Amino acid sequence: MTVEQIASQLAAYCRNEEFTRAQQELYAEDAVSIEPYDTPGFEKETQGLEALKEKDRKFSSMVESRYGTTVSDPIIAGNVFSFVLSMDLKMKGREREKMTELCVYHVKDGKIVSEQFFM
């Protein structure tokens, strides 16, 4: 897949909240995920596809209700693309909130090798 195809497919999966499917199909086995800061229960940097899948499961288990996810059109520069992702959700034990982040992805050999989030 080209960077453009990966960016388009990932945006579509995220719009449909198919995060696990996106990881299975679009990520490299040695992919890395970098959060903007240390969050209780999560590492700032997660390495390896299995660890990323576990991170996704852990986050999903903390969500009580989802009210929608929006994703901007991807912006592509060489082997890197980004988009803005906004999730309207209620985390267990918290008030409903909207989380917005800039998501930046690096592609190598037809797979996402890193993702980094900025809030």
PDB file of N, CA and C in Angstrom:
ATOM      1  N   MET A   1       0.840  -1.192   0.000  1.00  0.00           N
ATOM      2  CA  MET A   1       0.000   0.000   0.000  1.00  0.00           C
ATOM      3  C   MET A   1       0.883   1.252   0.000  1.00  0.00           C
ATOM      4  N   THR A   2       0.401   2.291  -0.641  1.00  0.00           N
ATOM      5  CA  THR A   2       1.106   3.563  -0.624  1.00  0.00           C
ATOM      6  C   THR A   2       0.791   4.303   0.676  1.00  0.00           C
ATOM      7  N   VAL A   3       1.563   5.342   0.946  1.00  0.00           N
ATOM      8  CA  VAL A   3       1.300   6.166   2.128  1.00  0.00           C
ATOM      9  C   VAL A   3      -0.105   6.764   2.037  1.00  0.00           C
ATOM     10  N   GLU A   4      -0.491   7.217   0.849  1.00  0.00           N
ATOM     11  CA  GLU A   4      -1.818   7.799   0.661  1.00  0.00           C
ATOM     12  C   GLU A   4      -2.920   6.780   0.962  1.00  0.00           C
ATOM     13  N   GLN A   5      -2.742   5.553   0.495  1.00  0.00           N
ATOM     14  CA  GLN A   5      -3.741   4.507   0.744  1.00  0.00           C
ATOM     15  C   GLN A   5      -3.823   4.167   2.230  1.00  0.00           C
ATOM     16  N   ILE A   6      -2.677   4.071   2.884  1.00  0.00           N
ATOM     17  CA  ILE A   6      -2.655   3.765   4.319  1.00  0.00           C
ATOM     18  C   ILE A   6      -3.330   4.889   5.103  1.00  0.00           C
ATOM     19  N   ALA A   7      -3.000   6.133   4.764  1.00  0.00           N
ATOM     20  CA  ALA A   7      -3.594   7.280   5.456  1.00  0.00           C
ATOM     21  C   ALA A   7      -5.113   7.291   5.298  1.00  0.00           C
ATOM     22  N   SER A   8      -5.571   7.067   4.085  1.00  0.00           N
ATOM     23  CA  SER A   8      -7.012   7.047   3.819  1.00  0.00           C
ATOM     24  C   SER A   8      -7.703   5.915   4.560  1.00  0.00           C
ATOM     25  N   GLN A   9      -7.099   4.734   4.539  1.00  0.00           N
ATOM     26  CA  GLN A   9      -7.697   3.570   5.206  1.00  0.00           C
ATOM     27  C   GLN A   9      -7.706   3.745   6.722  1.00  0.00           C
ATOM     28  N   LEU A  10      -6.610   4.251   7.280  1.00  0.00           N
ATOM     29  CA  LEU A  10      -6.565   4.458   8.728  1.00  0.00           C
ATOM     30  C   LEU A  10      -7.613   5.487   9.152  1.00  0.00           C
ATOM     31  N   ALA A  11      -7.738   6.576   8.414  1.00  0.00           N
ATOM     32  CA  ALA A  11      -8.749   7.580   8.742  1.00  0.00           C
ATOM     33  C   ALA A  11     -10.146   6.960   8.722  1.00  0.00           C
ATOM     34  N   ALA A  12     -10.424   6.124   7.718  1.00  0.00           N
ATOM     35  CA  ALA A  12     -11.739   5.467   7.633  1.00  0.00           C
ATOM     36  C   ALA A  12     -11.966   4.533   8.819  1.00  0.00           C
ATOM     37  N   TYR A  13     -10.964   3.736   9.163  1.00  0.00           N
ATOM     38  CA  TYR A  13     -11.109   2.842  10.317  1.00  0.00           C
ATOM     39  C   TYR A  13     -11.348   3.640  11.598  1.00  0.00           C
ATOM     40  N   CYS A  14     -10.603   4.726  11.784  1.00  0.00           N
ATOM     41  CA  CYS A  14     -10.770   5.527  12.997  1.00  0.00           C
ATOM     42  C   CYS A  14     -12.153   6.180  13.042  1.00  0.00           C
ATOM     43  N   ARG A  15     -12.644   6.647  11.907  1.00  0.00           N
ATOM     44  CA  ARG A  15     -13.994   7.245  11.873  1.00  0.00           C
ATOM     45  C   ARG A  15     -15.048   6.234  12.312  1.00  0.00           C
ATOM     46  N   ASN A  16     -14.804   4.969  12.016  1.00  0.00           N
ATOM     47  CA  ASN A  16     -15.737   3.901  12.383  1.00  0.00           C
ATOM     48  C   ASN A  16     -15.366   3.219  13.701  1.00  0.00           C
ATOM     49  N   GLU A  17     -14.380   3.794  14.400  1.00  0.00           N
ATOM     50  CA  GLU A  17     -13.911   3.277  15.691  1.00  0.00           C
ATOM     51  C   GLU A  17     -13.440   1.833  15.580  1.00  0.00           C
ATOM     52  N   GLU A  18     -12.827   1.491  14.453  1.00  0.00           N
ATOM     53  CA  GLU A  18     -12.260   0.157  14.217  1.00  0.00           C
ATOM     54  C   GLU A  18     -10.746   0.197  14.432  1.00  0.00           C
ATOM     55  N   PHE A  19     -10.360   0.577  15.637  1.00  0.00           N
ATOM     56  CA  PHE A  19      -8.950   0.762  15.962  1.00  0.00           C
ATOM     57  C   PHE A  19      -8.180  -0.553  15.939  1.00  0.00           C
ATOM     58  N   THR A  20      -8.777  -1.610  16.445  1.00  0.00           N
ATOM     59  CA  THR A  20      -8.114  -2.921  16.455  1.00  0.00           C
ATOM     60  C   THR A  20      -7.891  -3.413  15.036  1.00  0.00           C
ATOM     61  N   ARG A  21      -8.886  -3.276  14.190  1.00  0.00           N
ATOM     62  CA  ARG A  21      -8.753  -3.700  12.788  1.00  0.00           C
ATOM     63  C   ARG A  21      -7.640  -2.916  12.097  1.00  0.00           C
ATOM     64  N   ALA A  22      -7.556  -1.627  12.383  1.00  0.00           N
ATOM     65  CA  ALA A  22      -6.506  -0.795  11.801  1.00  0.00           C
ATOM     66  C   ALA A  22      -5.128  -1.320  12.183  1.00  0.00           C
ATOM     67  N   GLN A  23      -4.957  -1.638  13.464  1.00  0.00           N
ATOM     68  CA  GLN A  23      -3.666  -2.162  13.911  1.00  0.00           C
ATOM     69  C   GLN A  23      -3.337  -3.475  13.216  1.00  0.00           C
ATOM     70  N   GLN A  24      -4.294  -4.370  13.137  1.00  0.00           N
ATOM     71  CA  GLN A  24      -4.060  -5.684  12.535  1.00  0.00           C
ATOM     72  C   GLN A  24      -3.639  -5.576  11.076  1.00  0.00           C
ATOM     73  N   GLU A  25      -4.256  -4.646  10.343  1.00  0.00           N
ATOM     74  CA  GLU A  25      -4.031  -4.564   8.904  1.00  0.00           C
ATOM     75  C   GLU A  25      -2.940  -3.595   8.480  1.00  0.00           C
ATOM     76  N   LEU A  26      -2.721  -2.533   9.244  1.00  0.00           N
ATOM     77  CA  LEU A  26      -1.878  -1.452   8.750  1.00  0.00           C
ATOM     78  C   LEU A  26      -0.555  -1.266   9.484  1.00  0.00           C
ATOM     79  N   TYR A  27      -0.385  -1.904  10.636  1.00  0.00           N
ATOM     80  CA  TYR A  27       0.801  -1.672  11.461  1.00  0.00           C
ATOM     81  C   TYR A  27       1.858  -2.754  11.290  1.00  0.00           C
ATOM     82  N   ALA A  28       3.121  -2.344  11.390  1.00  0.00           N
ATOM     83  CA  ALA A  28       4.255  -3.271  11.365  1.00  0.00           C
ATOM     84  C   ALA A  28       4.353  -3.978  12.719  1.00  0.00           C
ATOM     85  N   GLU A  29       4.950  -5.150  12.722  1.00  0.00           N
ATOM     86  CA  GLU A  29       5.105  -5.929  13.959  1.00  0.00           C
ATOM     87  C   GLU A  29       5.922  -5.174  15.016  1.00  0.00           C
ATOM     88  N   ASP A  30       6.842  -4.327  14.573  1.00  0.00           N
ATOM     89  CA  ASP A  30       7.698  -3.605  15.523  1.00  0.00           C
ATOM     90  C   ASP A  30       7.283  -2.138  15.676  1.00  0.00           C
ATOM     91  N   ALA A  31       6.031  -1.836  15.406  1.00  0.00           N
ATOM     92  CA  ALA A  31       5.524  -0.457  15.491  1.00  0.00           C
ATOM     93  C   ALA A  31       5.679   0.107  16.903  1.00  0.00           C
ATOM     94  N   VAL A  32       5.807   1.436  16.965  1.00  0.00           N
ATOM     95  CA  VAL A  32       5.983   2.153  18.228  1.00  0.00           C
ATOM     96  C   VAL A  32       4.872   3.195  18.349  1.00  0.00           C
ATOM     97  N   SER A  33       4.358   3.361  19.567  1.00  0.00           N
ATOM     98  CA  SER A  33       3.348   4.370  19.860  1.00  0.00           C
ATOM     99  C   SER A  33       3.884   5.290  20.952  1.00  0.00           C
ATOM    100  N   ILE A  34       3.798   6.608  20.721  1.00  0.00           N
ATOM    101  CA  ILE A  34       4.326   7.581  21.671  1.00  0.00           C
ATOM    102  C   ILE A  34       3.196   8.526  22.095  1.00  0.00           C
ATOM    103  N   GLU A  35       2.941   8.569  23.385  1.00  0.00           N
ATOM    104  CA  GLU A  35       1.923   9.443  23.962  1.00  0.00           C
ATOM    105  C   GLU A  35       2.555  10.798  24.301  1.00  0.00           C
ATOM    106  N   PRO A  36       1.740  11.851  24.449  1.00  0.00           N
ATOM    107  CA  PRO A  36       2.305  13.173  24.738  1.00  0.00           C
ATOM    108  C   PRO A  36       2.903  13.296  26.138  1.00  0.00           C
ATOM    109  N   TYR A  37       2.435  12.470  27.049  1.00  0.00           N
ATOM    110  CA  TYR A  37       2.944  12.503  28.423  1.00  0.00           C
ATOM    111  C   TYR A  37       2.580  11.191  29.106  1.00  0.00           C
ATOM    112  N   ASP A  38       3.247  10.928  30.222  1.00  0.00           N
ATOM    113  CA  ASP A  38       2.928   9.726  30.994  1.00  0.00           C
ATOM    114  C   ASP A  38       1.512   9.845  31.541  1.00  0.00           C
ATOM    115  N   THR A  39       0.747   8.788  31.371  1.00  0.00           N
ATOM    116  CA  THR A  39      -0.620   8.719  31.867  1.00  0.00           C
ATOM    117  C   THR A  39      -0.709   7.527  32.809  1.00  0.00           C
ATOM    118  N   PRO A  40      -1.336   7.679  33.967  1.00  0.00           N
ATOM    119  CA  PRO A  40      -1.439   6.540  34.881  1.00  0.00           C
ATOM    120  C   PRO A  40      -1.981   5.298  34.167  1.00  0.00           C
ATOM    121  N   GLY A  41      -1.246   4.201  34.285  1.00  0.00           N
ATOM    122  CA  GLY A  41      -1.663   2.946  33.681  1.00  0.00           C
ATOM    123  C   GLY A  41      -1.154   2.740  32.262  1.00  0.00           C
ATOM    124  N   PHE A  42      -0.516   3.766  31.671  1.00  0.00           N
ATOM    125  CA  PHE A  42      -0.008   3.674  30.313  1.00  0.00           C
ATOM    126  C   PHE A  42       1.432   4.178  30.260  1.00  0.00           C
ATOM    127  N   GLU A  43       2.226   3.543  29.427  1.00  0.00           N
ATOM    128  CA  GLU A  43       3.601   3.970  29.217  1.00  0.00           C
ATOM    129  C   GLU A  43       3.615   5.142  28.242  1.00  0.00           C
ATOM    130  N   LYS A  44       4.601   6.010  28.354  1.00  0.00           N
ATOM    131  CA  LYS A  44       4.752   7.093  27.389  1.00  0.00           C
ATOM    132  C   LYS A  44       5.083   6.512  26.014  1.00  0.00           C
ATOM    133  N   GLU A  45       5.859   5.435  25.984  1.00  0.00           N
ATOM    134  CA  GLU A  45       6.210   4.789  24.718  1.00  0.00           C
ATOM    135  C   GLU A  45       5.898   3.298  24.803  1.00  0.00           C
ATOM    136  N   THR A  46       5.186   2.804  23.802  1.00  0.00           N
ATOM    137  CA  THR A  46       4.817   1.395  23.721  1.00  0.00           C
ATOM    138  C   THR A  46       5.436   0.822  22.456  1.00  0.00           C
ATOM    139  N   GLN A  47       6.105  -0.329  22.571  1.00  0.00           N
ATOM    140  CA  GLN A  47       6.801  -0.916  21.428  1.00  0.00           C
ATOM    141  C   GLN A  47       6.261  -2.294  21.099  1.00  0.00           C
ATOM    142  N   GLY A  48       6.055  -2.528  19.813  1.00  0.00           N
ATOM    143  CA  GLY A  48       5.612  -3.834  19.334  1.00  0.00           C
ATOM    144  C   GLY A  48       4.110  -3.904  19.158  1.00  0.00           C
ATOM    145  N   LEU A  49       3.693  -4.579  18.072  1.00  0.00           N
ATOM    146  CA  LEU A  49       2.273  -4.642  17.731  1.00  0.00           C
ATOM    147  C   LEU A  49       1.432  -5.280  18.830  1.00  0.00           C
ATOM    148  N   GLU A  50       1.912  -6.345  19.439  1.00  0.00           N
ATOM    149  CA  GLU A  50       1.126  -6.988  20.506  1.00  0.00           C
ATOM    150  C   GLU A  50       0.921  -6.043  21.686  1.00  0.00           C
ATOM    151  N   ALA A  51       1.950  -5.273  22.031  1.00  0.00           N
ATOM    152  CA  ALA A  51       1.828  -4.306  23.126  1.00  0.00           C
ATOM    153  C   ALA A  51       0.867  -3.178  22.746  1.00  0.00           C
ATOM    154  N   LEU A  52       0.865  -2.771  21.480  1.00  0.00           N
ATOM    155  CA  LEU A  52      -0.079  -1.746  21.012  1.00  0.00           C
ATOM    156  C   LEU A  52      -1.509  -2.261  21.077  1.00  0.00           C
ATOM    157  N   LYS A  53      -1.710  -3.527  20.709  1.00  0.00           N
ATOM    158  CA  LYS A  53      -3.049  -4.115  20.803  1.00  0.00           C
ATOM    159  C   LYS A  53      -3.522  -4.170  22.252  1.00  0.00           C
ATOM    160  N   GLU A  54      -2.621  -4.493  23.169  1.00  0.00           N
ATOM    161  CA  GLU A  54      -2.970  -4.532  24.586  1.00  0.00           C
ATOM    162  C   GLU A  54      -3.314  -3.134  25.092  1.00  0.00           C
ATOM    163  N   LYS A  55      -2.574  -2.136  24.641  1.00  0.00           N
ATOM    164  CA  LYS A  55      -2.854  -0.745  25.002  1.00  0.00           C
ATOM    165  C   LYS A  55      -4.256  -0.357  24.529  1.00  0.00           C
ATOM    166  N   ASP A  56      -4.619  -0.753  23.321  1.00  0.00           N
ATOM    167  CA  ASP A  56      -5.949  -0.473  22.775  1.00  0.00           C
ATOM    168  C   ASP A  56      -7.030  -1.165  23.608  1.00  0.00           C
ATOM    169  N   ARG A  57      -6.805  -2.426  23.961  1.00  0.00           N
ATOM    170  CA  ARG A  57      -7.779  -3.165  24.798  1.00  0.00           C
ATOM    171  C   ARG A  57      -7.945  -2.485  26.156  1.00  0.00           C
ATOM    172  N   LYS A  58      -6.838  -2.058  26.736  1.00  0.00           N
ATOM    173  CA  LYS A  58      -6.874  -1.426  28.051  1.00  0.00           C
ATOM    174  C   LYS A  58      -7.648  -0.105  27.992  1.00  0.00           C
ATOM    175  N   PHE A  59      -7.366   0.708  26.966  1.00  0.00           N
ATOM    176  CA  PHE A  59      -8.089   1.969  26.824  1.00  0.00           C
ATOM    177  C   PHE A  59      -9.581   1.707  26.631  1.00  0.00           C
ATOM    178  N   SER A  60      -9.920   0.768  25.753  1.00  0.00           N
ATOM    179  CA  SER A  60     -11.331   0.455  25.481  1.00  0.00           C
ATOM    180  C   SER A  60     -12.053  -0.013  26.736  1.00  0.00           C
ATOM    181  N   SER A  61     -11.362  -0.739  27.599  1.00  0.00           N
ATOM    182  CA  SER A  61     -11.988  -1.233  28.827  1.00  0.00           C
ATOM    183  C   SER A  61     -12.295  -0.097  29.805  1.00  0.00           C
ATOM    184  N   MET A  62     -11.651   1.050  29.614  1.00  0.00           N
ATOM    185  CA  MET A  62     -11.870   2.202  30.479  1.00  0.00           C
ATOM    186  C   MET A  62     -13.010   3.098  29.987  1.00  0.00           C
ATOM    187  N   VAL A  63     -13.491   2.833  28.766  1.00  0.00           N
ATOM    188  CA  VAL A  63     -14.546   3.657  28.171  1.00  0.00           C
ATOM    189  C   VAL A  63     -15.913   3.099  28.562  1.00  0.00           C
ATOM    190  N   GLU A  64     -16.743   3.959  29.113  1.00  0.00           N
ATOM    191  CA  GLU A  64     -18.107   3.563  29.478  1.00  0.00           C
ATOM    192  C   GLU A  64     -19.053   3.717  28.286  1.00  0.00           C
ATOM    193  N   SER A  65     -18.965   4.860  27.584  1.00  0.00           N
ATOM    194  CA  SER A  65     -19.840   5.131  26.439  1.00  0.00           C
ATOM    195  C   SER A  65     -19.085   5.932  25.384  1.00  0.00           C
ATOM    196  N   ARG A  66     -19.395   5.641  24.108  1.00  0.00           N
ATOM    197  CA  ARG A  66     -18.841   6.406  22.984  1.00  0.00           C
ATOM    198  C   ARG A  66     -19.995   7.116  22.295  1.00  0.00           C
ATOM    199  N   TYR A  67     -19.756   8.389  21.958  1.00  0.00           N
ATOM    200  CA  TYR A  67     -20.792   9.199  21.319  1.00  0.00           C
ATOM    201  C   TYR A  67     -20.380   9.660  19.927  1.00  0.00           C
ATOM    202  N   GLY A  68     -19.245   9.184  19.447  1.00  0.00           N
ATOM    203  CA  GLY A  68     -18.812   9.526  18.096  1.00  0.00           C
ATOM    204  C   GLY A  68     -17.351   9.896  18.017  1.00  0.00           C
ATOM    205  N   THR A  69     -16.787   9.645  16.853  1.00  0.00           N
ATOM    206  CA  THR A  69     -15.399   9.961  16.572  1.00  0.00           C
ATOM    207  C   THR A  69     -15.336  10.664  15.227  1.00  0.00           C
ATOM    208  N   THR A  70     -14.592  11.751  15.169  1.00  0.00           N
ATOM    209  CA  THR A  70     -14.378  12.440  13.906  1.00  0.00           C
ATOM    210  C   THR A  70     -12.889  12.471  13.602  1.00  0.00           C
ATOM    211  N   VAL A  71     -12.586  12.442  12.296  1.00  0.00           N
ATOM    212  CA  VAL A  71     -11.200  12.453  11.837  1.00  0.00           C
ATOM    213  C   VAL A  71     -11.110  13.408  10.656  1.00  0.00           C
ATOM    214  N   SER A  72     -10.141  14.302  10.705  1.00  0.00           N
ATOM    215  CA  SER A  72      -9.935  15.216   9.583  1.00  0.00           C
ATOM    216  C   SER A  72      -9.355  14.446   8.392  1.00  0.00           C
ATOM    217  N   ASP A  73      -9.334  15.085   7.246  1.00  0.00           N
ATOM    218  CA  ASP A  73      -8.652  14.484   6.105  1.00  0.00           C
ATOM    219  C   ASP A  73      -7.163  14.436   6.407  1.00  0.00           C
ATOM    220  N   PRO A  74      -6.482  13.364   6.014  1.00  0.00           N
ATOM    221  CA  PRO A  74      -5.046  13.264   6.266  1.00  0.00           C
ATOM    222  C   PRO A  74      -4.242  14.300   5.476  1.00  0.00           C
ATOM    223  N   ILE A  75      -3.151  14.728   6.068  1.00  0.00           N
ATOM    224  CA  ILE A  75      -2.153  15.566   5.405  1.00  0.00           C
ATOM    225  C   ILE A  75      -0.916  14.694   5.247  1.00  0.00           C
ATOM    226  N   ILE A  76      -0.387  14.611   4.029  1.00  0.00           N
ATOM    227  CA  ILE A  76       0.703  13.689   3.730  1.00  0.00           C
ATOM    228  C   ILE A  76       1.946  14.459   3.301  1.00  0.00           C
ATOM    229  N   ALA A  77       3.088  14.073   3.847  1.00  0.00           N
ATOM    230  CA  ALA A  77       4.380  14.641   3.471  1.00  0.00           C
ATOM    231  C   ALA A  77       5.391  13.500   3.417  1.00  0.00           C
ATOM    232  N   GLY A  78       5.704  13.047   2.228  1.00  0.00           N
ATOM    233  CA  GLY A  78       6.651  11.943   2.093  1.00  0.00           C
ATOM    234  C   GLY A  78       6.098  10.682   2.707  1.00  0.00           C
ATOM    235  N   ASN A  79       6.815  10.116   3.680  1.00  0.00           N
ATOM    236  CA  ASN A  79       6.408   8.881   4.353  1.00  0.00           C
ATOM    237  C   ASN A  79       5.691   9.138   5.674  1.00  0.00           C
ATOM    238  N   VAL A  80       5.260  10.375   5.875  1.00  0.00           N
ATOM    239  CA  VAL A  80       4.591  10.752   7.119  1.00  0.00           C
ATOM    240  C   VAL A  80       3.229  11.347   6.786  1.00  0.00           C
ATOM    241  N   PHE A  81       2.239  11.031   7.627  1.00  0.00           N
ATOM    242  CA  PHE A  81       0.934  11.677   7.485  1.00  0.00           C
ATOM    243  C   PHE A  81       0.371  11.969   8.859  1.00  0.00           C
ATOM    244  N   SER A  82      -0.583  12.875   8.876  1.00  0.00           N
ATOM    245  CA  SER A  82      -1.216  13.234  10.145  1.00  0.00           C
ATOM    246  C   SER A  82      -2.677  13.564   9.905  1.00  0.00           C
ATOM    247  N   PHE A  83      -3.439  13.514  10.993  1.00  0.00           N
ATOM    248  CA  PHE A  83      -4.815  13.996  10.992  1.00  0.00           C
ATOM    249  C   PHE A  83      -5.200  14.344  12.419  1.00  0.00           C
ATOM    250  N   VAL A  84      -6.289  15.083  12.553  1.00  0.00           N
ATOM    251  CA  VAL A  84      -6.823  15.418  13.868  1.00  0.00           C
ATOM    252  C   VAL A  84      -7.941  14.438  14.167  1.00  0.00           C
ATOM    253  N   LEU A  85      -7.862  13.805  15.327  1.00  0.00           N
ATOM    254  CA  LEU A  85      -8.868  12.837  15.769  1.00  0.00           C
ATOM    255  C   LEU A  85      -9.554  13.397  17.012  1.00  0.00           C
ATOM    256  N   SER A  86     -10.881  13.415  16.995  1.00  0.00           N
ATOM    257  CA  SER A  86     -11.663  13.860  18.153  1.00  0.00           C
ATOM    258  C   SER A  86     -12.620  12.749  18.548  1.00  0.00           C
ATOM    259  N   MET A  87     -12.619  12.413  19.825  1.00  0.00           N
ATOM    260  CA  MET A  87     -13.517  11.382  20.348  1.00  0.00           C
ATOM    261  C   MET A  87     -14.407  12.001  21.424  1.00  0.00           C
ATOM    262  N   ASP A  88     -15.690  11.793  21.295  1.00  0.00           N
ATOM    263  CA  ASP A  88     -16.670  12.215  22.288  1.00  0.00           C
ATOM    264  C   ASP A  88     -17.019  10.960  23.071  1.00  0.00           C
ATOM    265  N   LEU A  89     -16.614  10.928  24.349  1.00  0.00           N
ATOM    266  CA  LEU A  89     -16.817   9.705  25.122  1.00  0.00           C
ATOM    267  C   LEU A  89     -16.944   9.976  26.606  1.00  0.00           C
ATOM    268  N   LYS A  90     -17.352   8.947  27.304  1.00  0.00           N
ATOM    269  CA  LYS A  90     -17.429   8.984  28.762  1.00  0.00           C
ATOM    270  C   LYS A  90     -16.559   7.860  29.284  1.00  0.00           C
ATOM    271  N   MET A  91     -15.530   8.261  30.010  1.00  0.00           N
ATOM    272  CA  MET A  91     -14.660   7.281  30.642  1.00  0.00           C
ATOM    273  C   MET A  91     -15.312   6.856  31.960  1.00  0.00           C
ATOM    274  N   LYS A  92     -15.087   5.625  32.362  1.00  0.00           N
ATOM    275  CA  LYS A  92     -15.654   5.134  33.622  1.00  0.00           C
ATOM    276  C   LYS A  92     -15.212   6.036  34.771  1.00  0.00           C
ATOM    277  N   GLY A  93     -16.185   6.454  35.581  1.00  0.00           N
ATOM    278  CA  GLY A  93     -15.892   7.274  36.746  1.00  0.00           C
ATOM    279  C   GLY A  93     -15.629   8.738  36.441  1.00  0.00           C
ATOM    280  N   ARG A  94     -15.844   9.162  35.200  1.00  0.00           N
ATOM    281  CA  ARG A  94     -15.610  10.555  34.820  1.00  0.00           C
ATOM    282  C   ARG A  94     -16.810  11.098  34.059  1.00  0.00           C
ATOM    283  N   GLU A  95     -16.815  12.390  33.869  1.00  0.00           N
ATOM    284  CA  GLU A  95     -17.856  13.050  33.090  1.00  0.00           C
ATOM    285  C   GLU A  95     -17.599  12.828  31.603  1.00  0.00           C
ATOM    286  N   ARG A  96     -18.644  12.967  30.807  1.00  0.00           N
ATOM    287  CA  ARG A  96     -18.502  12.913  29.354  1.00  0.00           C
ATOM    288  C   ARG A  96     -17.542  14.022  28.918  1.00  0.00           C
ATOM    289  N   GLU A  97     -16.662  13.703  27.965  1.00  0.00           N
ATOM    290  CA  GLU A  97     -15.693  14.691  27.510  1.00  0.00           C
ATOM    291  C   GLU A  97     -15.352  14.464  26.041  1.00  0.00           C
ATOM    292  N   LYS A  98     -14.758  15.485  25.452  1.00  0.00           N
ATOM    293  CA  LYS A  98     -14.293  15.384  24.077  1.00  0.00           C
ATOM    294  C   LYS A  98     -12.769  15.449  24.100  1.00  0.00           C
ATOM    295  N   MET A  99     -12.129  14.414  23.578  1.00  0.00           N
ATOM    296  CA  MET A  99     -10.674  14.359  23.511  1.00  0.00           C
ATOM    297  C   MET A  99     -10.255  14.633  22.070  1.00  0.00           C
ATOM    298  N   THR A 100      -9.367  15.585  21.881  1.00  0.00           N
ATOM    299  CA  THR A 100      -8.887  15.926  20.552  1.00  0.00           C
ATOM    300  C   THR A 100      -7.373  15.843  20.547  1.00  0.00           C
ATOM    301  N   GLU A 101      -6.834  15.191  19.514  1.00  0.00           N
ATOM    302  CA  GLU A 101      -5.380  15.060  19.417  1.00  0.00           C
ATOM    303  C   GLU A 101      -4.935  15.094  17.962  1.00  0.00           C
ATOM    304  N   LEU A 102      -3.707  15.558  17.779  1.00  0.00           N
ATOM    305  CA  LEU A 102      -3.066  15.486  16.478  1.00  0.00           C
ATOM    306  C   LEU A 102      -2.320  14.155  16.448  1.00  0.00           C
ATOM    307  N   CYS A 103      -2.596  13.353  15.448  1.00  0.00           N
ATOM    308  CA  CYS A 103      -2.003  12.027  15.313  1.00  0.00           C
ATOM    309  C   CYS A 103      -1.029  12.060  14.135  1.00  0.00           C
ATOM    310  N   VAL A 104       0.214  11.656  14.381  1.00  0.00           N
ATOM    311  CA  VAL A 104       1.242  11.664  13.340  1.00  0.00           C
ATOM    312  C   VAL A 104       1.768  10.245  13.164  1.00  0.00           C
ATOM    313  N   TYR A 105       1.822   9.792  11.920  1.00  0.00           N
ATOM    314  CA  TYR A 105       2.201   8.413  11.594  1.00  0.00           C
ATOM    315  C   TYR A 105       3.363   8.393  10.607  1.00  0.00           C
ATOM    316  N   HIS A 106       4.265   7.451  10.805  1.00  0.00           N
ATOM    317  CA  HIS A 106       5.392   7.249   9.892  1.00  0.00           C
ATOM    318  C   HIS A 106       5.220   5.879   9.247  1.00  0.00           C
ATOM    319  N   VAL A 107       5.358   5.836   7.919  1.00  0.00           N
ATOM    320  CA  VAL A 107       5.171   4.603   7.153  1.00  0.00           C
ATOM    321  C   VAL A 107       6.501   4.165   6.548  1.00  0.00           C
ATOM    322  N   LYS A 108       6.759   2.869   6.631  1.00  0.00           N
ATOM    323  CA  LYS A 108       7.955   2.289   6.014  1.00  0.00           C
ATOM    324  C   LYS A 108       7.571   0.921   5.458  1.00  0.00           C
ATOM    325  N   ASP A 109       7.971   0.641   4.246  1.00  0.00           N
ATOM    326  CA  ASP A 109       7.701  -0.647   3.600  1.00  0.00           C
ATOM    327  C   ASP A 109       6.217  -1.030   3.641  1.00  0.00           C
ATOM    328  N   GLY A 110       5.347  -0.036   3.442  1.00  0.00           N
ATOM    329  CA  GLY A 110       3.915  -0.304   3.349  1.00  0.00           C
ATOM    330  C   GLY A 110       3.198  -0.556   4.656  1.00  0.00           C
ATOM    331  N   LYS A 111       3.827  -0.234   5.789  1.00  0.00           N
ATOM    332  CA  LYS A 111       3.199  -0.419   7.104  1.00  0.00           C
ATOM    333  C   LYS A 111       3.497   0.781   7.994  1.00  0.00           C
ATOM    334  N   ILE A 112       2.601   1.040   8.939  1.00  0.00           N
ATOM    335  CA  ILE A 112       2.845   2.094   9.927  1.00  0.00           C
ATOM    336  C   ILE A 112       3.875   1.575  10.918  1.00  0.00           C
ATOM    337  N   VAL A 113       4.970   2.321  11.069  1.00  0.00           N
ATOM    338  CA  VAL A 113       6.029   1.906  11.990  1.00  0.00           C
ATOM    339  C   VAL A 113       6.041   2.742  13.265  1.00  0.00           C
ATOM    340  N   SER A 114       5.390   3.911  13.219  1.00  0.00           N
ATOM    341  CA  SER A 114       5.270   4.690  14.449  1.00  0.00           C
ATOM    342  C   SER A 114       4.052   5.598  14.393  1.00  0.00           C
ATOM    343  N   GLU A 115       3.530   5.846  15.576  1.00  0.00           N
ATOM    344  CA  GLU A 115       2.440   6.801  15.752  1.00  0.00           C
ATOM    345  C   GLU A 115       2.811   7.657  16.955  1.00  0.00           C
ATOM    346  N   GLN A 116       2.498   8.934  16.858  1.00  0.00           N
ATOM    347  CA  GLN A 116       2.750   9.836  17.977  1.00  0.00           C
ATOM    348  C   GLN A 116       1.576  10.782  18.097  1.00  0.00           C
ATOM    349  N   PHE A 117       1.160  11.020  19.338  1.00  0.00           N
ATOM    350  CA  PHE A 117      -0.030  11.823  19.603  1.00  0.00           C
ATOM    351  C   PHE A 117       0.344  13.097  20.329  1.00  0.00           C
ATOM    352  N   PHE A 118      -0.310  14.201  19.936  1.00  0.00           N
ATOM    353  CA  PHE A 118      -0.103  15.512  20.558  1.00  0.00           C
ATOM    354  C   PHE A 118      -1.457  16.056  20.959  1.00  0.00           C
ATOM    355  N   MET A 119      -1.541  16.542  22.205  1.00  0.00           N
ATOM    356  CA  MET A 119      -2.801  17.101  22.714  1.00  0.00           C
ATOM    357  C   MET A 119      -2.590  18.538  23.129  1.00  0.00           C
TER     358      MET A 119
END
